[in-house]
Amino acid sequence: MRDAVTTLTQRGQVSLPASIRKAMRLRPGQRLRWQQVSETECRLVIEEGRRAPGPLAVLGYARRLRPGSPPRPTAAWMKELRAGERR
């Protein structure tokens, strides 16, 4: 792989080149850890474990809001939510 050069912004931000992101299969939301190796060199480590939650992560979320209550159909939830709306 050829070297890729990026520029540090005034806010201390750096963009990873697309060729490196693709080769390492990096995705938005992944956590990266920087380790300083020397005064002029650092190592970038991809942290394993928790990644950004996908859209299916919210399934069952409403159940946690009201523990112990039986599941209700969507129509019942909508009726409760709309009870305070003005017409």
PDB file of N, CA and C in Angstrom:
ATOM      1  N   MET A   1       0.847  -1.167   0.000  1.00  0.00           N
ATOM      2  CA  MET A   1       0.000   0.000   0.000  1.00  0.00           C
ATOM      3  C   MET A   1       0.897   1.236   0.000  1.00  0.00           C
ATOM      4  N   ARG A   2       0.515   2.214  -0.806  1.00  0.00           N
ATOM      5  CA  ARG A   2       1.277   3.463  -0.855  1.00  0.00           C
ATOM      6  C   ARG A   2       0.985   4.326   0.353  1.00  0.00           C
ATOM      7  N   ASP A   3       1.922   5.191   0.671  1.00  0.00           N
ATOM      8  CA  ASP A   3       1.693   6.136   1.760  1.00  0.00           C
ATOM      9  C   ASP A   3       0.592   7.108   1.371  1.00  0.00           C
ATOM     10  N   ALA A   4      -0.175   7.545   2.348  1.00  0.00           N
ATOM     11  CA  ALA A   4      -1.214   8.551   2.140  1.00  0.00           C
ATOM     12  C   ALA A   4      -0.939   9.695   3.099  1.00  0.00           C
ATOM     13  N   VAL A   5      -1.053  10.905   2.622  1.00  0.00           N
ATOM     14  CA  VAL A   5      -0.759  12.081   3.437  1.00  0.00           C
ATOM     15  C   VAL A   5      -2.050  12.844   3.690  1.00  0.00           C
ATOM     16  N   THR A   6      -2.256  13.247   4.950  1.00  0.00           N
ATOM     17  CA  THR A   6      -3.404  14.082   5.297  1.00  0.00           C
ATOM     18  C   THR A   6      -2.897  15.307   6.037  1.00  0.00           C
ATOM     19  N   THR A   7      -3.769  16.277   6.235  1.00  0.00           N
ATOM     20  CA  THR A   7      -3.394  17.519   6.899  1.00  0.00           C
ATOM     21  C   THR A   7      -4.187  17.669   8.187  1.00  0.00           C
ATOM     22  N   LEU A   8      -3.524  18.080   9.240  1.00  0.00           N
ATOM     23  CA  LEU A   8      -4.166  18.334  10.520  1.00  0.00           C
ATOM     24  C   LEU A   8      -4.854  19.693  10.453  1.00  0.00           C
ATOM     25  N   THR A   9      -6.140  19.757  10.820  1.00  0.00           N
ATOM     26  CA  THR A   9      -6.861  21.023  10.776  1.00  0.00           C
ATOM     27  C   THR A   9      -6.559  21.848  12.018  1.00  0.00           C
ATOM     28  N   GLN A  10      -7.018  23.097  12.032  1.00  0.00           N
ATOM     29  CA  GLN A  10      -6.811  23.970  13.186  1.00  0.00           C
ATOM     30  C   GLN A  10      -7.491  23.414  14.434  1.00  0.00           C
ATOM     31  N   ARG A  11      -8.552  22.630  14.244  1.00  0.00           N
ATOM     32  CA  ARG A  11      -9.277  22.042  15.375  1.00  0.00           C
ATOM     33  C   ARG A  11      -8.698  20.696  15.794  1.00  0.00           C
ATOM     34  N   GLY A  12      -7.579  20.290  15.198  1.00  0.00           N
ATOM     35  CA  GLY A  12      -6.927  19.041  15.572  1.00  0.00           C
ATOM     36  C   GLY A  12      -7.558  17.814  14.945  1.00  0.00           C
ATOM     37  N   GLN A  13      -8.274  17.978  13.837  1.00  0.00           N
ATOM     38  CA  GLN A  13      -8.941  16.856  13.187  1.00  0.00           C
ATOM     39  C   GLN A  13      -8.138  16.345  12.006  1.00  0.00           C
ATOM     40  N   VAL A  14      -8.254  15.039  11.767  1.00  0.00           N
ATOM     41  CA  VAL A  14      -7.572  14.392  10.645  1.00  0.00           C
ATOM     42  C   VAL A  14      -8.570  13.469   9.967  1.00  0.00           C
ATOM     43  N   SER A  15      -8.567  13.438   8.651  1.00  0.00           N
ATOM     44  CA  SER A  15      -9.410  12.496   7.914  1.00  0.00           C
ATOM     45  C   SER A  15      -8.558  11.311   7.483  1.00  0.00           C
ATOM     46  N   LEU A  16      -9.117  10.118   7.644  1.00  0.00           N
ATOM     47  CA  LEU A  16      -8.410   8.930   7.156  1.00  0.00           C
ATOM     48  C   LEU A  16      -8.677   8.800   5.658  1.00  0.00           C
ATOM     49  N   PRO A  17      -7.663   8.565   4.863  1.00  0.00           N
ATOM     50  CA  PRO A  17      -7.867   8.419   3.427  1.00  0.00           C
ATOM     51  C   PRO A  17      -8.818   7.254   3.115  1.00  0.00           C
ATOM     52  N   ALA A  18      -9.628   7.429   2.088  1.00  0.00           N
ATOM     53  CA  ALA A  18     -10.624   6.418   1.704  1.00  0.00           C
ATOM     54  C   ALA A  18      -9.985   5.068   1.425  1.00  0.00           C
ATOM     55  N   SER A  19      -8.801   5.063   0.822  1.00  0.00           N
ATOM     56  CA  SER A  19      -8.150   3.786   0.510  1.00  0.00           C
ATOM     57  C   SER A  19      -7.835   2.993   1.788  1.00  0.00           C
ATOM     58  N   ILE A  20      -7.453   3.690   2.856  1.00  0.00           N
ATOM     59  CA  ILE A  20      -7.160   3.024   4.126  1.00  0.00           C
ATOM     60  C   ILE A  20      -8.460   2.568   4.790  1.00  0.00           C
ATOM     61  N   ARG A  21      -9.488   3.445   4.784  1.00  0.00           N
ATOM     62  CA  ARG A  21     -10.779   3.056   5.382  1.00  0.00           C
ATOM     63  C   ARG A  21     -11.344   1.813   4.713  1.00  0.00           C
ATOM     64  N   LYS A  22     -11.235   1.753   3.399  1.00  0.00           N
ATOM     65  CA  LYS A  22     -11.764   0.589   2.665  1.00  0.00           C
ATOM     66  C   LYS A  22     -10.928  -0.657   2.942  1.00  0.00           C
ATOM     67  N   ALA A  23      -9.618  -0.514   2.923  1.00  0.00           N
ATOM     68  CA  ALA A  23      -8.739  -1.667   3.146  1.00  0.00           C
ATOM     69  C   ALA A  23      -8.916  -2.249   4.547  1.00  0.00           C
ATOM     70  N   MET A  24      -9.193  -1.370   5.539  1.00  0.00           N
ATOM     71  CA  MET A  24      -9.357  -1.822   6.916  1.00  0.00           C
ATOM     72  C   MET A  24     -10.818  -2.068   7.278  1.00  0.00           C
ATOM     73  N   ARG A  25     -11.690  -1.879   6.305  1.00  0.00           N
ATOM     74  CA  ARG A  25     -13.146  -2.067   6.488  1.00  0.00           C
ATOM     75  C   ARG A  25     -13.684  -1.254   7.664  1.00  0.00           C
ATOM     76  N   LEU A  26     -13.266   0.001   7.754  1.00  0.00           N
ATOM     77  CA  LEU A  26     -13.732   0.883   8.821  1.00  0.00           C
ATOM     78  C   LEU A  26     -15.100   1.444   8.466  1.00  0.00           C
ATOM     79  N   ARG A  27     -15.943   1.585   9.469  1.00  0.00           N
ATOM     80  CA  ARG A  27     -17.302   2.085   9.290  1.00  0.00           C
ATOM     81  C   ARG A  27     -17.531   3.270  10.225  1.00  0.00           C
ATOM     82  N   PRO A  28     -18.451   4.168   9.865  1.00  0.00           N
ATOM     83  CA  PRO A  28     -18.771   5.289  10.759  1.00  0.00           C
ATOM     84  C   PRO A  28     -19.204   4.784  12.127  1.00  0.00           C
ATOM     85  N   GLY A  29     -18.758   5.444  13.156  1.00  0.00           N
ATOM     86  CA  GLY A  29     -19.120   5.070  14.515  1.00  0.00           C
ATOM     87  C   GLY A  29     -18.130   4.144  15.190  1.00  0.00           C
ATOM     88  N   GLN A  30     -17.208   3.553  14.427  1.00  0.00           N
ATOM     89  CA  GLN A  30     -16.214   2.688  15.054  1.00  0.00           C
ATOM     90  C   GLN A  30     -15.258   3.545  15.871  1.00  0.00           C
ATOM     91  N   ARG A  31     -14.813   2.995  16.991  1.00  0.00           N
ATOM     92  CA  ARG A  31     -13.893   3.710  17.867  1.00  0.00           C
ATOM     93  C   ARG A  31     -12.454   3.352  17.497  1.00  0.00           C
ATOM     94  N   LEU A  32     -11.625   4.387  17.415  1.00  0.00           N
ATOM     95  CA  LEU A  32     -10.216   4.217  17.085  1.00  0.00           C
ATOM     96  C   LEU A  32      -9.391   4.754  18.253  1.00  0.00           C
ATOM     97  N   ARG A  33      -8.364   4.029  18.639  1.00  0.00           N
ATOM     98  CA  ARG A  33      -7.508   4.437  19.753  1.00  0.00           C
ATOM     99  C   ARG A  33      -6.140   4.808  19.197  1.00  0.00           C
ATOM    100  N   TRP A  34      -5.635   5.967  19.613  1.00  0.00           N
ATOM    101  CA  TRP A  34      -4.318   6.434  19.193  1.00  0.00           C
ATOM    102  C   TRP A  34      -3.312   6.114  20.290  1.00  0.00           C
ATOM    103  N   GLN A  35      -2.174   5.524  19.919  1.00  0.00           N
ATOM    104  CA  GLN A  35      -1.099   5.219  20.859  1.00  0.00           C
ATOM    105  C   GLN A  35       0.177   5.891  20.356  1.00  0.00           C
ATOM    106  N   GLN A  36       0.772   6.726  21.192  1.00  0.00           N
ATOM    107  CA  GLN A  36       2.015   7.386  20.809  1.00  0.00           C
ATOM    108  C   GLN A  36       3.161   6.401  20.957  1.00  0.00           C
ATOM    109  N   VAL A  37       3.903   6.183  19.879  1.00  0.00           N
ATOM    110  CA  VAL A  37       5.024   5.247  19.863  1.00  0.00           C
ATOM    111  C   VAL A  37       6.329   5.993  20.124  1.00  0.00           C
ATOM    112  N   SER A  38       6.471   7.153  19.515  1.00  0.00           N
ATOM    113  CA  SER A  38       7.650   7.994  19.734  1.00  0.00           C
ATOM    114  C   SER A  38       7.209   9.441  19.540  1.00  0.00           C
ATOM    115  N   GLU A  39       8.157  10.348  19.531  1.00  0.00           N
ATOM    116  CA  GLU A  39       7.802  11.760  19.355  1.00  0.00           C
ATOM    117  C   GLU A  39       7.283  12.068  17.955  1.00  0.00           C
ATOM    118  N   THR A  40       7.578  11.218  16.989  1.00  0.00           N
ATOM    119  CA  THR A  40       7.161  11.480  15.606  1.00  0.00           C
ATOM    120  C   THR A  40       6.317  10.355  15.014  1.00  0.00           C
ATOM    121  N   GLU A  41       5.880   9.425  15.844  1.00  0.00           N
ATOM    122  CA  GLU A  41       5.150   8.273  15.322  1.00  0.00           C
ATOM    123  C   GLU A  41       4.036   7.875  16.301  1.00  0.00           C
ATOM    124  N   CYS A  42       2.892   7.480  15.748  1.00  0.00           N
ATOM    125  CA  CYS A  42       1.814   6.961  16.590  1.00  0.00           C
ATOM    126  C   CYS A  42       1.162   5.780  15.880  1.00  0.00           C
ATOM    127  N   ARG A  43       0.454   4.996  16.654  1.00  0.00           N
ATOM    128  CA  ARG A  43      -0.218   3.795  16.150  1.00  0.00           C
ATOM    129  C   ARG A  43      -1.711   4.005  16.321  1.00  0.00           C
ATOM    130  N   LEU A  44      -2.474   3.610  15.316  1.00  0.00           N
ATOM    131  CA  LEU A  44      -3.931   3.697  15.355  1.00  0.00           C
ATOM    132  C   LEU A  44      -4.479   2.284  15.509  1.00  0.00           C
ATOM    133  N   VAL A  45      -5.245   2.050  16.581  1.00  0.00           N
ATOM    134  CA  VAL A  45      -5.769   0.717  16.870  1.00  0.00           C
ATOM    135  C   VAL A  45      -7.290   0.754  16.788  1.00  0.00           C
ATOM    136  N   ILE A  46      -7.873  -0.189  16.082  1.00  0.00           N
ATOM    137  CA  ILE A  46      -9.325  -0.292  15.991  1.00  0.00           C
ATOM    138  C   ILE A  46      -9.807  -1.009  17.238  1.00  0.00           C
ATOM    139  N   GLU A  47     -10.641  -0.352  18.031  1.00  0.00           N
ATOM    140  CA  GLU A  47     -11.148  -0.973  19.247  1.00  0.00           C
ATOM    141  C   GLU A  47     -12.232  -1.979  18.900  1.00  0.00           C
ATOM    142  N   GLU A  48     -12.115  -3.147  19.481  1.00  0.00           N
ATOM    143  CA  GLU A  48     -13.116  -4.190  19.285  1.00  0.00           C
ATOM    144  C   GLU A  48     -14.281  -3.945  20.235  1.00  0.00           C
ATOM    145  N   GLY A  49     -15.336  -4.641  20.003  1.00  0.00           N
ATOM    146  CA  GLY A  49     -16.467  -4.552  20.927  1.00  0.00           C
ATOM    147  C   GLY A  49     -17.570  -3.681  20.385  1.00  0.00           C
ATOM    148  N   ARG A  50     -18.016  -2.746  21.206  1.00  0.00           N
ATOM    149  CA  ARG A  50     -19.190  -1.953  20.900  1.00  0.00           C
ATOM    150  C   ARG A  50     -19.017  -1.109  19.648  1.00  0.00           C
ATOM    151  N   ARG A  51     -19.937  -1.277  18.743  1.00  0.00           N
ATOM    152  CA  ARG A  51     -19.978  -0.447  17.537  1.00  0.00           C
ATOM    153  C   ARG A  51     -21.235   0.389  17.582  1.00  0.00           C
ATOM    154  N   ALA A  52     -21.367   1.282  16.660  1.00  0.00           N
ATOM    155  CA  ALA A  52     -22.566   2.117  16.598  1.00  0.00           C
ATOM    156  C   ALA A  52     -23.798   1.241  16.434  1.00  0.00           C
ATOM    157  N   PRO A  53     -24.840   1.496  17.219  1.00  0.00           N
ATOM    158  CA  PRO A  53     -26.030   0.662  17.110  1.00  0.00           C
ATOM    159  C   PRO A  53     -26.725   0.859  15.769  1.00  0.00           C
ATOM    160  N   GLY A  54     -27.258  -0.208  15.258  1.00  0.00           N
ATOM    161  CA  GLY A  54     -28.004  -0.145  14.009  1.00  0.00           C
ATOM    162  C   GLY A  54     -29.473   0.136  14.280  1.00  0.00           C
ATOM    163  N   PRO A  55     -30.274   0.223  13.242  1.00  0.00           N
ATOM    164  CA  PRO A  55     -31.689   0.552  13.418  1.00  0.00           C
ATOM    165  C   PRO A  55     -32.455  -0.502  14.208  1.00  0.00           C
ATOM    166  N   LEU A  56     -32.005  -1.740  14.211  1.00  0.00           N
ATOM    167  CA  LEU A  56     -32.715  -2.787  14.942  1.00  0.00           C
ATOM    168  C   LEU A  56     -32.456  -2.731  16.441  1.00  0.00           C
ATOM    169  N   ALA A  57     -31.534  -1.883  16.879  1.00  0.00           N
ATOM    170  CA  ALA A  57     -31.207  -1.784  18.295  1.00  0.00           C
ATOM    171  C   ALA A  57     -32.356  -1.200  19.109  1.00  0.00           C
ATOM    172  N   VAL A  58     -33.289  -0.514  18.469  1.00  0.00           N
ATOM    173  CA  VAL A  58     -34.394   0.104  19.204  1.00  0.00           C
ATOM    174  C   VAL A  58     -35.560  -0.845  19.424  1.00  0.00           C
ATOM    175  N   LEU A  59     -35.528  -2.026  18.828  1.00  0.00           N
ATOM    176  CA  LEU A  59     -36.623  -2.972  19.024  1.00  0.00           C
ATOM    177  C   LEU A  59     -36.746  -3.326  20.504  1.00  0.00           C
ATOM    178  N   GLY A  60     -37.933  -3.251  21.028  1.00  0.00           N
ATOM    179  CA  GLY A  60     -38.174  -3.550  22.423  1.00  0.00           C
ATOM    180  C   GLY A  60     -37.859  -2.399  23.361  1.00  0.00           C
ATOM    181  N   TYR A  61     -37.487  -1.255  22.838  1.00  0.00           N
ATOM    182  CA  TYR A  61     -37.119  -0.116  23.676  1.00  0.00           C
ATOM    183  C   TYR A  61     -38.311   0.377  24.497  1.00  0.00           C
ATOM    184  N   ALA A  62     -39.490   0.452  23.895  1.00  0.00           N
ATOM    185  CA  ALA A  62     -40.671   0.959  24.593  1.00  0.00           C
ATOM    186  C   ALA A  62     -41.011   0.094  25.800  1.00  0.00           C
ATOM    187  N   ARG A  63     -40.727  -1.174  25.740  1.00  0.00           N
ATOM    188  CA  ARG A  63     -41.005  -2.067  26.857  1.00  0.00           C
ATOM    189  C   ARG A  63     -40.206  -1.663  28.100  1.00  0.00           C
ATOM    190  N   ARG A  64     -39.016  -1.135  27.884  1.00  0.00           N
ATOM    191  CA  ARG A  64     -38.180  -0.722  29.007  1.00  0.00           C
ATOM    192  C   ARG A  64     -38.700   0.545  29.663  1.00  0.00           C
ATOM    193  N   LEU A  65     -39.495   1.330  28.935  1.00  0.00           N
ATOM    194  CA  LEU A  65     -40.025   2.561  29.496  1.00  0.00           C
ATOM    195  C   LEU A  65     -41.091   2.291  30.556  1.00  0.00           C
ATOM    196  N   ARG A  66     -41.849   1.222  30.360  1.00  0.00           N
ATOM    197  CA  ARG A  66     -42.912   0.855  31.295  1.00  0.00           C
ATOM    198  C   ARG A  66     -42.739  -0.597  31.705  1.00  0.00           C
ATOM    199  N   PRO A  67     -41.790  -0.879  32.555  1.00  0.00           N
ATOM    200  CA  PRO A  67     -41.561  -2.272  32.944  1.00  0.00           C
ATOM    201  C   PRO A  67     -42.797  -2.842  33.639  1.00  0.00           C
ATOM    202  N   GLY A  68     -43.085  -4.082  33.325  1.00  0.00           N
ATOM    203  CA  GLY A  68     -44.197  -4.766  33.961  1.00  0.00           C
ATOM    204  C   GLY A  68     -45.532  -4.581  33.255  1.00  0.00           C
ATOM    205  N   SER A  69     -45.639  -3.598  32.378  1.00  0.00           N
ATOM    206  CA  SER A  69     -46.912  -3.409  31.679  1.00  0.00           C
ATOM    207  C   SER A  69     -46.971  -4.337  30.472  1.00  0.00           C
ATOM    208  N   PRO A  70     -48.162  -4.842  30.170  1.00  0.00           N
ATOM    209  CA  PRO A  70     -48.286  -5.763  29.032  1.00  0.00           C
ATOM    210  C   PRO A  70     -48.055  -5.031  27.714  1.00  0.00           C
ATOM    211  N   PRO A  71     -47.604  -5.735  26.689  1.00  0.00           N
ATOM    212  CA  PRO A  71     -47.403  -5.103  25.390  1.00  0.00           C
ATOM    213  C   PRO A  71     -48.722  -4.576  24.840  1.00  0.00           C
ATOM    214  N   ARG A  72     -48.672  -3.438  24.178  1.00  0.00           N
ATOM    215  CA  ARG A  72     -49.884  -2.849  23.590  1.00  0.00           C
ATOM    216  C   ARG A  72     -49.707  -2.699  22.098  1.00  0.00           C
ATOM    217  N   PRO A  73     -50.802  -2.774  21.359  1.00  0.00           N
ATOM    218  CA  PRO A  73     -50.704  -2.566  19.914  1.00  0.00           C
ATOM    219  C   PRO A  73     -50.383  -1.102  19.604  1.00  0.00           C
ATOM    220  N   THR A  74     -49.865  -0.863  18.423  1.00  0.00           N
ATOM    221  CA  THR A  74     -49.485   0.485  18.004  1.00  0.00           C
ATOM    222  C   THR A  74     -50.647   1.450  18.106  1.00  0.00           C
ATOM    223  N   ALA A  75     -51.850   1.008  17.740  1.00  0.00           N
ATOM    224  CA  ALA A  75     -53.017   1.894  17.780  1.00  0.00           C
ATOM    225  C   ALA A  75     -53.257   2.424  19.188  1.00  0.00           C
ATOM    226  N   ALA A  76     -53.026   1.597  20.206  1.00  0.00           N
ATOM    227  CA  ALA A  76     -53.214   2.042  21.586  1.00  0.00           C
ATOM    228  C   ALA A  76     -52.169   3.089  21.969  1.00  0.00           C
ATOM    229  N   TRP A  77     -50.935   2.879  21.544  1.00  0.00           N
ATOM    230  CA  TRP A  77     -49.876   3.865  21.806  1.00  0.00           C
ATOM    231  C   TRP A  77     -50.214   5.192  21.140  1.00  0.00           C
ATOM    232  N   MET A  78     -50.653   5.130  19.890  1.00  0.00           N
ATOM    233  CA  MET A  78     -50.961   6.359  19.151  1.00  0.00           C
ATOM    234  C   MET A  78     -52.120   7.108  19.799  1.00  0.00           C
ATOM    235  N   LYS A  79     -53.127   6.379  20.271  1.00  0.00           N
ATOM    236  CA  LYS A  79     -54.270   7.008  20.933  1.00  0.00           C
ATOM    237  C   LYS A  79     -53.804   7.764  22.175  1.00  0.00           C
ATOM    238  N   GLU A  80     -52.926   7.138  22.965  1.00  0.00           N
ATOM    239  CA  GLU A  80     -52.405   7.795  24.164  1.00  0.00           C
ATOM    240  C   GLU A  80     -51.579   9.030  23.812  1.00  0.00           C
ATOM    241  N   LEU A  81     -50.751   8.914  22.781  1.00  0.00           N
ATOM    242  CA  LEU A  81     -49.905  10.038  22.387  1.00  0.00           C
ATOM    243  C   LEU A  81     -50.723  11.213  21.865  1.00  0.00           C
ATOM    244  N   ARG A  82     -51.800  10.914  21.169  1.00  0.00           N
ATOM    245  CA  ARG A  82     -52.631  11.972  20.566  1.00  0.00           C
ATOM    246  C   ARG A  82     -53.656  12.545  21.534  1.00  0.00           C
ATOM    247  N   ALA A  83     -53.775  11.987  22.715  1.00  0.00           N
ATOM    248  CA  ALA A  83     -54.787  12.440  23.671  1.00  0.00           C
ATOM    249  C   ALA A  83     -54.608  13.911  24.029  1.00  0.00           C
ATOM    250  N   GLY A  84     -53.401  14.405  24.034  1.00  0.00           N
ATOM    251  CA  GLY A  84     -53.156  15.789  24.404  1.00  0.00           C
ATOM    252  C   GLY A  84     -53.132  16.742  23.222  1.00  0.00           C
ATOM    253  N   GLU A  85     -53.288  16.256  22.007  1.00  0.00           N
ATOM    254  CA  GLU A  85     -53.232  17.131  20.838  1.00  0.00           C
ATOM    255  C   GLU A  85     -54.489  17.988  20.744  1.00  0.00           C
ATOM    256  N   ARG A  86     -54.318  19.210  20.259  1.00  0.00           N
ATOM    257  CA  ARG A  86     -55.464  20.101  20.045  1.00  0.00           C
ATOM    258  C   ARG A  86     -55.923  19.971  18.607  1.00  0.00           C
ATOM    259  N   ARG A  87     -57.171  20.125  18.433  1.00  0.00           N
ATOM    260  CA  ARG A  87     -57.709  20.032  17.055  1.00  0.00           C
ATOM    261  C   ARG A  87     -58.055  21.386  16.529  1.00  0.00           C
TER     262      ARG A  87
END
